[in-house]
Amino acid sequence: MRVIQASLHRTPPGPAPRGTAPLIHDLIWAHATLADGLEHIRPRPTEHGLDLFLFVRAHSDASAVQQMRTLLARADTPIAAHGFTVAAP
């Protein structure tokens, strides 16, 4: 298992509103497929938005990063609808 960190930045800048971390957690799961290899998500509020720690089944770090880029790109529009932009892992 690999751990990939990604950041979601708030638009407008600032910390994520209370309750946003579980919402984003569920949103990412809703867009995940078996091919993504996602095992766990740990969102952590930060002063800029949220950091995501994505636990991934992958053969290498490079493939884990690519799998998570694909997943986050798939979820980009709904993430943006909740006031975040994805900083690529």
PDB file of N, CA and C in Angstrom:
ATOM      1  N   MET A   1       0.848  -1.173   0.000  1.00  0.00           N
ATOM      2  CA  MET A   1       0.000   0.000   0.000  1.00  0.00           C
ATOM      3  C   MET A   1       0.891   1.234   0.000  1.00  0.00           C
ATOM      4  N   ARG A   2       0.475   2.216  -0.756  1.00  0.00           N
ATOM      5  CA  ARG A   2       1.191   3.498  -0.870  1.00  0.00           C
ATOM      6  C   ARG A   2       0.317   4.608  -0.285  1.00  0.00           C
ATOM      7  N   VAL A   3       0.954   5.657   0.197  1.00  0.00           N
ATOM      8  CA  VAL A   3       0.230   6.825   0.700  1.00  0.00           C
ATOM      9  C   VAL A   3       0.595   8.012  -0.176  1.00  0.00           C
ATOM     10  N   ILE A   4      -0.424   8.634  -0.732  1.00  0.00           N
ATOM     11  CA  ILE A   4      -0.250   9.799  -1.590  1.00  0.00           C
ATOM     12  C   ILE A   4      -0.922  10.978  -0.900  1.00  0.00           C
ATOM     13  N   GLN A   5      -0.220  12.110  -0.871  1.00  0.00           N
ATOM     14  CA  GLN A   5      -0.798  13.315  -0.288  1.00  0.00           C
ATOM     15  C   GLN A   5      -1.198  14.263  -1.413  1.00  0.00           C
ATOM     16  N   ALA A   6      -2.398  14.784  -1.301  1.00  0.00           N
ATOM     17  CA  ALA A   6      -2.888  15.808  -2.224  1.00  0.00           C
ATOM     18  C   ALA A   6      -3.488  16.925  -1.385  1.00  0.00           C
ATOM     19  N   SER A   7      -3.543  18.104  -1.955  1.00  0.00           N
ATOM     20  CA  SER A   7      -4.118  19.249  -1.246  1.00  0.00           C
ATOM     21  C   SER A   7      -5.293  19.812  -2.022  1.00  0.00           C
ATOM     22  N   LEU A   8      -6.291  20.220  -1.291  1.00  0.00           N
ATOM     23  CA  LEU A   8      -7.418  20.942  -1.854  1.00  0.00           C
ATOM     24  C   LEU A   8      -7.367  22.353  -1.286  1.00  0.00           C
ATOM     25  N   HIS A   9      -7.274  23.331  -2.172  1.00  0.00           N
ATOM     26  CA  HIS A   9      -7.205  24.730  -1.752  1.00  0.00           C
ATOM     27  C   HIS A   9      -8.579  25.359  -1.866  1.00  0.00           C
ATOM     28  N   ARG A  10      -8.940  26.140  -0.859  1.00  0.00           N
ATOM     29  CA  ARG A  10     -10.233  26.817  -0.842  1.00  0.00           C
ATOM     30  C   ARG A  10     -10.250  27.965  -1.821  1.00  0.00           C
ATOM     31  N   THR A  11     -11.386  28.147  -2.467  1.00  0.00           N
ATOM     32  CA  THR A  11     -11.633  29.326  -3.283  1.00  0.00           C
ATOM     33  C   THR A  11     -12.937  29.932  -2.772  1.00  0.00           C
ATOM     34  N   PRO A  12     -12.940  30.968  -1.996  1.00  0.00           N
ATOM     35  CA  PRO A  12     -11.837  31.851  -1.636  1.00  0.00           C
ATOM     36  C   PRO A  12     -10.903  31.217  -0.609  1.00  0.00           C
ATOM     37  N   PRO A  13      -9.660  31.764  -0.517  1.00  0.00           N
ATOM     38  CA  PRO A  13      -8.662  31.188   0.396  1.00  0.00           C
ATOM     39  C   PRO A  13      -9.153  31.157   1.844  1.00  0.00           C
ATOM     40  N   GLY A  14      -8.659  30.184   2.557  1.00  0.00           N
ATOM     41  CA  GLY A  14      -8.976  30.071   3.976  1.00  0.00           C
ATOM     42  C   GLY A  14      -9.283  28.641   4.353  1.00  0.00           C
ATOM     43  N   PRO A  15      -9.497  28.410   5.630  1.00  0.00           N
ATOM     44  CA  PRO A  15      -9.792  27.061   6.106  1.00  0.00           C
ATOM     45  C   PRO A  15     -11.134  26.552   5.583  1.00  0.00           C
ATOM     46  N   ALA A  16     -11.237  25.254   5.511  1.00  0.00           N
ATOM     47  CA  ALA A  16     -12.492  24.621   5.082  1.00  0.00           C
ATOM     48  C   ALA A  16     -13.562  24.811   6.155  1.00  0.00           C
ATOM     49  N   PRO A  17     -14.788  25.071   5.740  1.00  0.00           N
ATOM     50  CA  PRO A  17     -15.873  25.182   6.729  1.00  0.00           C
ATOM     51  C   PRO A  17     -16.060  23.866   7.491  1.00  0.00           C
ATOM     52  N   ARG A  18     -16.549  23.974   8.671  1.00  0.00           N
ATOM     53  CA  ARG A  18     -16.820  22.796   9.507  1.00  0.00           C
ATOM     54  C   ARG A  18     -17.729  21.825   8.749  1.00  0.00           C
ATOM     55  N   GLY A  19     -17.400  20.548   8.819  1.00  0.00           N
ATOM     56  CA  GLY A  19     -18.200  19.527   8.155  1.00  0.00           C
ATOM     57  C   GLY A  19     -17.795  19.232   6.721  1.00  0.00           C
ATOM     58  N   THR A  20     -16.846  20.001   6.193  1.00  0.00           N
ATOM     59  CA  THR A  20     -16.439  19.803   4.808  1.00  0.00           C
ATOM     60  C   THR A  20     -15.599  18.543   4.622  1.00  0.00           C
ATOM     61  N   ALA A  21     -14.743  18.215   5.581  1.00  0.00           N
ATOM     62  CA  ALA A  21     -13.863  17.044   5.438  1.00  0.00           C
ATOM     63  C   ALA A  21     -14.661  15.761   5.185  1.00  0.00           C
ATOM     64  N   PRO A  22     -15.711  15.452   5.965  1.00  0.00           N
ATOM     65  CA  PRO A  22     -16.487  14.241   5.669  1.00  0.00           C
ATOM     66  C   PRO A  22     -17.201  14.305   4.321  1.00  0.00           C
ATOM     67  N   LEU A  23     -17.641  15.485   3.926  1.00  0.00           N
ATOM     68  CA  LEU A  23     -18.304  15.655   2.641  1.00  0.00           C
ATOM     69  C   LEU A  23     -17.344  15.324   1.491  1.00  0.00           C
ATOM     70  N   ILE A  24     -16.135  15.867   1.543  1.00  0.00           N
ATOM     71  CA  ILE A  24     -15.134  15.607   0.496  1.00  0.00           C
ATOM     72  C   ILE A  24     -14.735  14.135   0.513  1.00  0.00           C
ATOM     73  N   HIS A  25     -14.577  13.569   1.696  1.00  0.00           N
ATOM     74  CA  HIS A  25     -14.274  12.139   1.841  1.00  0.00           C
ATOM     75  C   HIS A  25     -15.301  11.306   1.068  1.00  0.00           C
ATOM     76  N   ASP A  26     -16.580  11.561   1.311  1.00  0.00           N
ATOM     77  CA  ASP A  26     -17.641  10.805   0.653  1.00  0.00           C
ATOM     78  C   ASP A  26     -17.697  11.086  -0.844  1.00  0.00           C
ATOM     79  N   LEU A  27     -17.448  12.320  -1.230  1.00  0.00           N
ATOM     80  CA  LEU A  27     -17.462  12.690  -2.636  1.00  0.00           C
ATOM     81  C   LEU A  27     -16.388  11.927  -3.413  1.00  0.00           C
ATOM     82  N   ILE A  28     -15.195  11.827  -2.847  1.00  0.00           N
ATOM     83  CA  ILE A  28     -14.121  11.091  -3.527  1.00  0.00           C
ATOM     84  C   ILE A  28     -14.480   9.610  -3.627  1.00  0.00           C
ATOM     85  N   TRP A  29     -15.011   9.040  -2.556  1.00  0.00           N
ATOM     86  CA  TRP A  29     -15.430   7.633  -2.618  1.00  0.00           C
ATOM     87  C   TRP A  29     -16.500   7.427  -3.687  1.00  0.00           C
ATOM     88  N   ALA A  30     -17.397   8.381  -3.846  1.00  0.00           N
ATOM     89  CA  ALA A  30     -18.468   8.256  -4.834  1.00  0.00           C
ATOM     90  C   ALA A  30     -17.927   8.212  -6.261  1.00  0.00           C
ATOM     91  N   HIS A  31     -16.735   8.759  -6.479  1.00  0.00           N
ATOM     92  CA  HIS A  31     -16.131   8.779  -7.816  1.00  0.00           C
ATOM     93  C   HIS A  31     -15.053   7.715  -8.005  1.00  0.00           C
ATOM     94  N   ALA A  32     -14.743   6.971  -6.952  1.00  0.00           N
ATOM     95  CA  ALA A  32     -13.693   5.952  -7.031  1.00  0.00           C
ATOM     96  C   ALA A  32     -14.200   4.695  -7.719  1.00  0.00           C
ATOM     97  N   THR A  33     -13.300   4.050  -8.459  1.00  0.00           N
ATOM     98  CA  THR A  33     -13.595   2.754  -9.073  1.00  0.00           C
ATOM     99  C   THR A  33     -12.592   1.738  -8.523  1.00  0.00           C
ATOM    100  N   LEU A  34     -12.843   0.479  -8.745  1.00  0.00           N
ATOM    101  CA  LEU A  34     -11.895  -0.557  -8.302  1.00  0.00           C
ATOM    102  C   LEU A  34     -10.517  -0.345  -8.911  1.00  0.00           C
ATOM    103  N   ALA A  35     -10.467   0.098 -10.154  1.00  0.00           N
ATOM    104  CA  ALA A  35      -9.183   0.311 -10.836  1.00  0.00           C
ATOM    105  C   ALA A  35      -8.334   1.388 -10.159  1.00  0.00           C
ATOM    106  N   ASP A  36      -8.960   2.292  -9.402  1.00  0.00           N
ATOM    107  CA  ASP A  36      -8.194   3.341  -8.708  1.00  0.00           C
ATOM    108  C   ASP A  36      -7.355   2.774  -7.574  1.00  0.00           C
ATOM    109  N   GLY A  37      -7.751   1.649  -7.020  1.00  0.00           N
ATOM    110  CA  GLY A  37      -6.991   1.025  -5.936  1.00  0.00           C
ATOM    111  C   GLY A  37      -7.080   1.759  -4.613  1.00  0.00           C
ATOM    112  N   LEU A  38      -8.055   2.636  -4.464  1.00  0.00           N
ATOM    113  CA  LEU A  38      -8.187   3.412  -3.229  1.00  0.00           C
ATOM    114  C   LEU A  38      -8.618   2.509  -2.078  1.00  0.00           C
ATOM    115  N   GLU A  39      -7.907   2.603  -0.968  1.00  0.00           N
ATOM    116  CA  GLU A  39      -8.223   1.810   0.225  1.00  0.00           C
ATOM    117  C   GLU A  39      -8.803   2.671   1.354  1.00  0.00           C
ATOM    118  N   HIS A  40      -8.198   3.826   1.608  1.00  0.00           N
ATOM    119  CA  HIS A  40      -8.616   4.716   2.698  1.00  0.00           C
ATOM    120  C   HIS A  40      -8.364   6.154   2.279  1.00  0.00           C
ATOM    121  N   ILE A  41      -9.109   7.064   2.888  1.00  0.00           N
ATOM    122  CA  ILE A  41      -8.899   8.502   2.712  1.00  0.00           C
ATOM    123  C   ILE A  41      -8.885   9.133   4.094  1.00  0.00           C
ATOM    124  N   ARG A  42      -7.905   9.973   4.343  1.00  0.00           N
ATOM    125  CA  ARG A  42      -7.854  10.730   5.594  1.00  0.00           C
ATOM    126  C   ARG A  42      -7.755  12.215   5.244  1.00  0.00           C
ATOM    127  N   PRO A  43      -8.861  12.945   5.274  1.00  0.00           N
ATOM    128  CA  PRO A  43      -8.802  14.391   5.041  1.00  0.00           C
ATOM    129  C   PRO A  43      -8.411  15.112   6.334  1.00  0.00           C
ATOM    130  N   ARG A  44      -7.585  16.120   6.203  1.00  0.00           N
ATOM    131  CA  ARG A  44      -7.156  16.920   7.353  1.00  0.00           C
ATOM    132  C   ARG A  44      -7.311  18.399   7.023  1.00  0.00           C
ATOM    133  N   PRO A  45      -8.118  19.120   7.805  1.00  0.00           N
ATOM    134  CA  PRO A  45      -8.251  20.563   7.576  1.00  0.00           C
ATOM    135  C   PRO A  45      -6.911  21.274   7.769  1.00  0.00           C
ATOM    136  N   THR A  46      -6.675  22.270   6.941  1.00  0.00           N
ATOM    137  CA  THR A  46      -5.472  23.102   7.048  1.00  0.00           C
ATOM    138  C   THR A  46      -5.900  24.563   6.906  1.00  0.00           C
ATOM    139  N   GLU A  47      -4.952  25.455   7.031  1.00  0.00           N
ATOM    140  CA  GLU A  47      -5.281  26.874   6.893  1.00  0.00           C
ATOM    141  C   GLU A  47      -5.617  27.251   5.455  1.00  0.00           C
ATOM    142  N   HIS A  48      -5.244  26.421   4.482  1.00  0.00           N
ATOM    143  CA  HIS A  48      -5.533  26.711   3.075  1.00  0.00           C
ATOM    144  C   HIS A  48      -6.719  25.916   2.528  1.00  0.00           C
ATOM    145  N   GLY A  49      -7.192  24.921   3.268  1.00  0.00           N
ATOM    146  CA  GLY A  49      -8.298  24.086   2.796  1.00  0.00           C
ATOM    147  C   GLY A  49      -8.263  22.715   3.447  1.00  0.00           C
ATOM    148  N   LEU A  50      -7.891  21.692   2.657  1.00  0.00           N
ATOM    149  CA  LEU A  50      -7.792  20.325   3.166  1.00  0.00           C
ATOM    150  C   LEU A  50      -6.575  19.635   2.571  1.00  0.00           C
ATOM    151  N   ASP A  51      -5.905  18.854   3.379  1.00  0.00           N
ATOM    152  CA  ASP A  51      -4.912  17.910   2.868  1.00  0.00           C
ATOM    153  C   ASP A  51      -5.574  16.544   2.860  1.00  0.00           C
ATOM    154  N   LEU A  52      -5.335  15.788   1.803  1.00  0.00           N
ATOM    155  CA  LEU A  52      -5.863  14.439   1.688  1.00  0.00           C
ATOM    156  C   LEU A  52      -4.716  13.447   1.739  1.00  0.00           C
ATOM    157  N   PHE A  53      -4.839  12.441   2.555  1.00  0.00           N
ATOM    158  CA  PHE A  53      -3.895  11.338   2.575  1.00  0.00           C
ATOM    159  C   PHE A  53      -4.651  10.148   1.996  1.00  0.00           C
ATOM    160  N   LEU A  54      -4.227   9.732   0.817  1.00  0.00           N
ATOM    161  CA  LEU A  54      -4.921   8.702   0.050  1.00  0.00           C
ATOM    162  C   LEU A  54      -4.099   7.418   0.115  1.00  0.00           C
ATOM    163  N   PHE A  55      -4.664   6.392   0.673  1.00  0.00           N
ATOM    164  CA  PHE A  55      -3.988   5.097   0.806  1.00  0.00           C
ATOM    165  C   PHE A  55      -4.409   4.245  -0.384  1.00  0.00           C
ATOM    166  N   VAL A  56      -3.409   3.809  -1.165  1.00  0.00           N
ATOM    167  CA  VAL A  56      -3.660   3.241  -2.479  1.00  0.00           C
ATOM    168  C   VAL A  56      -2.955   1.902  -2.666  1.00  0.00           C
ATOM    169  N   ARG A  57      -3.655   0.944  -3.269  1.00  0.00           N
ATOM    170  CA  ARG A  57      -3.016  -0.291  -3.731  1.00  0.00           C
ATOM    171  C   ARG A  57      -2.380   0.009  -5.073  1.00  0.00           C
ATOM    172  N   ALA A  58      -1.061  -0.139  -5.138  1.00  0.00           N
ATOM    173  CA  ALA A  58      -0.346   0.119  -6.394  1.00  0.00           C
ATOM    174  C   ALA A  58       0.995  -0.594  -6.348  1.00  0.00           C
ATOM    175  N   HIS A  59       1.524  -0.876  -7.550  1.00  0.00           N
ATOM    176  CA  HIS A  59       2.806  -1.581  -7.658  1.00  0.00           C
ATOM    177  C   HIS A  59       4.001  -0.670  -7.423  1.00  0.00           C
ATOM    178  N   SER A  60       3.805   0.631  -7.595  1.00  0.00           N
ATOM    179  CA  SER A  60       4.906   1.573  -7.403  1.00  0.00           C
ATOM    180  C   SER A  60       4.347   2.923  -6.966  1.00  0.00           C
ATOM    181  N   ASP A  61       5.241   3.786  -6.492  1.00  0.00           N
ATOM    182  CA  ASP A  61       4.811   5.137  -6.128  1.00  0.00           C
ATOM    183  C   ASP A  61       4.282   5.879  -7.347  1.00  0.00           C
ATOM    184  N   ALA A  62       4.959   5.707  -8.480  1.00  0.00           N
ATOM    185  CA  ALA A  62       4.544   6.404  -9.710  1.00  0.00           C
ATOM    186  C   ALA A  62       3.130   5.985 -10.117  1.00  0.00           C
ATOM    187  N   SER A  63       2.828   4.685 -10.052  1.00  0.00           N
ATOM    188  CA  SER A  63       1.476   4.276 -10.436  1.00  0.00           C
ATOM    189  C   SER A  63       0.452   4.737  -9.411  1.00  0.00           C
ATOM    190  N   ALA A  64       0.810   4.781  -8.142  1.00  0.00           N
ATOM    191  CA  ALA A  64      -0.119   5.283  -7.124  1.00  0.00           C
ATOM    192  C   ALA A  64      -0.454   6.752  -7.385  1.00  0.00           C
ATOM    193  N   VAL A  65       0.564   7.539  -7.710  1.00  0.00           N
ATOM    194  CA  VAL A  65       0.332   8.962  -8.010  1.00  0.00           C
ATOM    195  C   VAL A  65      -0.575   9.090  -9.224  1.00  0.00           C
ATOM    196  N   GLN A  66      -0.308   8.323 -10.271  1.00  0.00           N
ATOM    197  CA  GLN A  66      -1.131   8.408 -11.486  1.00  0.00           C
ATOM    198  C   GLN A  66      -2.573   7.984 -11.221  1.00  0.00           C
ATOM    199  N   GLN A  67      -2.768   6.931 -10.443  1.00  0.00           N
ATOM    200  CA  GLN A  67      -4.110   6.478 -10.105  1.00  0.00           C
ATOM    201  C   GLN A  67      -4.879   7.564  -9.368  1.00  0.00           C
ATOM    202  N   MET A  68      -4.215   8.259  -8.433  1.00  0.00           N
ATOM    203  CA  MET A  68      -4.894   9.299  -7.659  1.00  0.00           C
ATOM    204  C   MET A  68      -5.122  10.548  -8.502  1.00  0.00           C
ATOM    205  N   ARG A  69      -4.213  10.860  -9.420  1.00  0.00           N
ATOM    206  CA  ARG A  69      -4.458  11.981 -10.335  1.00  0.00           C
ATOM    207  C   ARG A  69      -5.701  11.719 -11.177  1.00  0.00           C
ATOM    208  N   THR A  70      -5.836  10.488 -11.640  1.00  0.00           N
ATOM    209  CA  THR A  70      -7.000  10.106 -12.445  1.00  0.00           C
ATOM    210  C   THR A  70      -8.279  10.229 -11.625  1.00  0.00           C
ATOM    211  N   LEU A  71      -8.259   9.725 -10.411  1.00  0.00           N
ATOM    212  CA  LEU A  71      -9.435   9.802  -9.544  1.00  0.00           C
ATOM    213  C   LEU A  71      -9.795  11.252  -9.230  1.00  0.00           C
ATOM    214  N   LEU A  72      -8.808  12.056  -8.846  1.00  0.00           N
ATOM    215  CA  LEU A  72      -9.093  13.445  -8.489  1.00  0.00           C
ATOM    216  C   LEU A  72      -9.551  14.247  -9.697  1.00  0.00           C
ATOM    217  N   ALA A  73      -9.054  13.918 -10.882  1.00  0.00           N
ATOM    218  CA  ALA A  73      -9.534  14.590 -12.098  1.00  0.00           C
ATOM    219  C   ALA A  73     -10.996  14.240 -12.348  1.00  0.00           C
ATOM    220  N   ARG A  74     -11.361  13.003 -12.091  1.00  0.00           N
ATOM    221  CA  ARG A  74     -12.747  12.558 -12.263  1.00  0.00           C
ATOM    222  C   ARG A  74     -13.669  13.291 -11.290  1.00  0.00           C
ATOM    223  N   ALA A  75     -13.173  13.582 -10.099  1.00  0.00           N
ATOM    224  CA  ALA A  75     -13.981  14.234  -9.058  1.00  0.00           C
ATOM    225  C   ALA A  75     -13.809  15.752  -9.045  1.00  0.00           C
ATOM    226  N   ASP A  76     -13.047  16.290  -9.980  1.00  0.00           N
ATOM    227  CA  ASP A  76     -12.699  17.713  -9.965  1.00  0.00           C
ATOM    228  C   ASP A  76     -13.918  18.642 -10.003  1.00  0.00           C
ATOM    229  N   THR A  77     -14.868  18.379 -10.868  1.00  0.00           N
ATOM    230  CA  THR A  77     -16.026  19.277 -10.984  1.00  0.00           C
ATOM    231  C   THR A  77     -16.848  19.330  -9.701  1.00  0.00           C
ATOM    232  N   PRO A  78     -17.192  18.174  -9.092  1.00  0.00           N
ATOM    233  CA  PRO A  78     -17.929  18.264  -7.826  1.00  0.00           C
ATOM    234  C   PRO A  78     -17.095  18.865  -6.690  1.00  0.00           C
ATOM    235  N   ILE A  79     -15.787  18.615  -6.693  1.00  0.00           N
ATOM    236  CA  ILE A  79     -14.920  19.229  -5.682  1.00  0.00           C
ATOM    237  C   ILE A  79     -14.961  20.748  -5.838  1.00  0.00           C
ATOM    238  N   ALA A  80     -14.876  21.224  -7.072  1.00  0.00           N
ATOM    239  CA  ALA A  80     -14.924  22.664  -7.345  1.00  0.00           C
ATOM    240  C   ALA A  80     -16.273  23.261  -6.933  1.00  0.00           C
ATOM    241  N   ALA A  81     -17.344  22.492  -7.083  1.00  0.00           N
ATOM    242  CA  ALA A  81     -18.678  22.981  -6.695  1.00  0.00           C
ATOM    243  C   ALA A  81     -18.768  23.233  -5.195  1.00  0.00           C
ATOM    244  N   HIS A  82     -17.858  22.616  -4.430  1.00  0.00           N
ATOM    245  CA  HIS A  82     -17.834  22.833  -2.976  1.00  0.00           C
ATOM    246  C   HIS A  82     -16.743  23.821  -2.566  1.00  0.00           C
ATOM    247  N   GLY A  83     -16.189  24.555  -3.543  1.00  0.00           N
ATOM    248  CA  GLY A  83     -15.277  25.645  -3.242  1.00  0.00           C
ATOM    249  C   GLY A  83     -13.807  25.263  -3.104  1.00  0.00           C
ATOM    250  N   PHE A  84     -13.376  24.205  -3.811  1.00  0.00           N
ATOM    251  CA  PHE A  84     -11.984  23.767  -3.721  1.00  0.00           C
ATOM    252  C   PHE A  84     -11.373  23.592  -5.112  1.00  0.00           C
ATOM    253  N   THR A  85     -10.064  23.802  -5.194  1.00  0.00           N
ATOM    254  CA  THR A  85      -9.302  23.399  -6.366  1.00  0.00           C
ATOM    255  C   THR A  85      -8.320  22.340  -5.921  1.00  0.00           C
ATOM    256  N   VAL A  86      -8.056  21.395  -6.807  1.00  0.00           N
ATOM    257  CA  VAL A  86      -7.162  20.275  -6.494  1.00  0.00           C
ATOM    258  C   VAL A  86      -5.740  20.662  -6.868  1.00  0.00           C
ATOM    259  N   ALA A  87      -4.825  20.528  -5.915  1.00  0.00           N
ATOM    260  CA  ALA A  87      -3.393  20.655  -6.196  1.00  0.00           C
ATOM    261  C   ALA A  87      -2.899  19.234  -6.450  1.00  0.00           C
ATOM    262  N   ALA A  88      -2.420  18.981  -7.657  1.00  0.00           N
ATOM    263  CA  ALA A  88      -2.042  17.616  -8.065  1.00  0.00           C
ATOM    264  C   ALA A  88      -1.057  16.996  -7.080  1.00  0.00           C
ATOM    265  N   PRO A  89      -1.251  15.687  -6.831  1.00  0.00           N
ATOM    266  CA  PRO A  89      -0.297  14.990  -5.946  1.00  0.00           C
ATOM    267  C   PRO A  89       1.057  14.854  -6.615  1.00  0.00           C
TER     268      PRO A  89
END
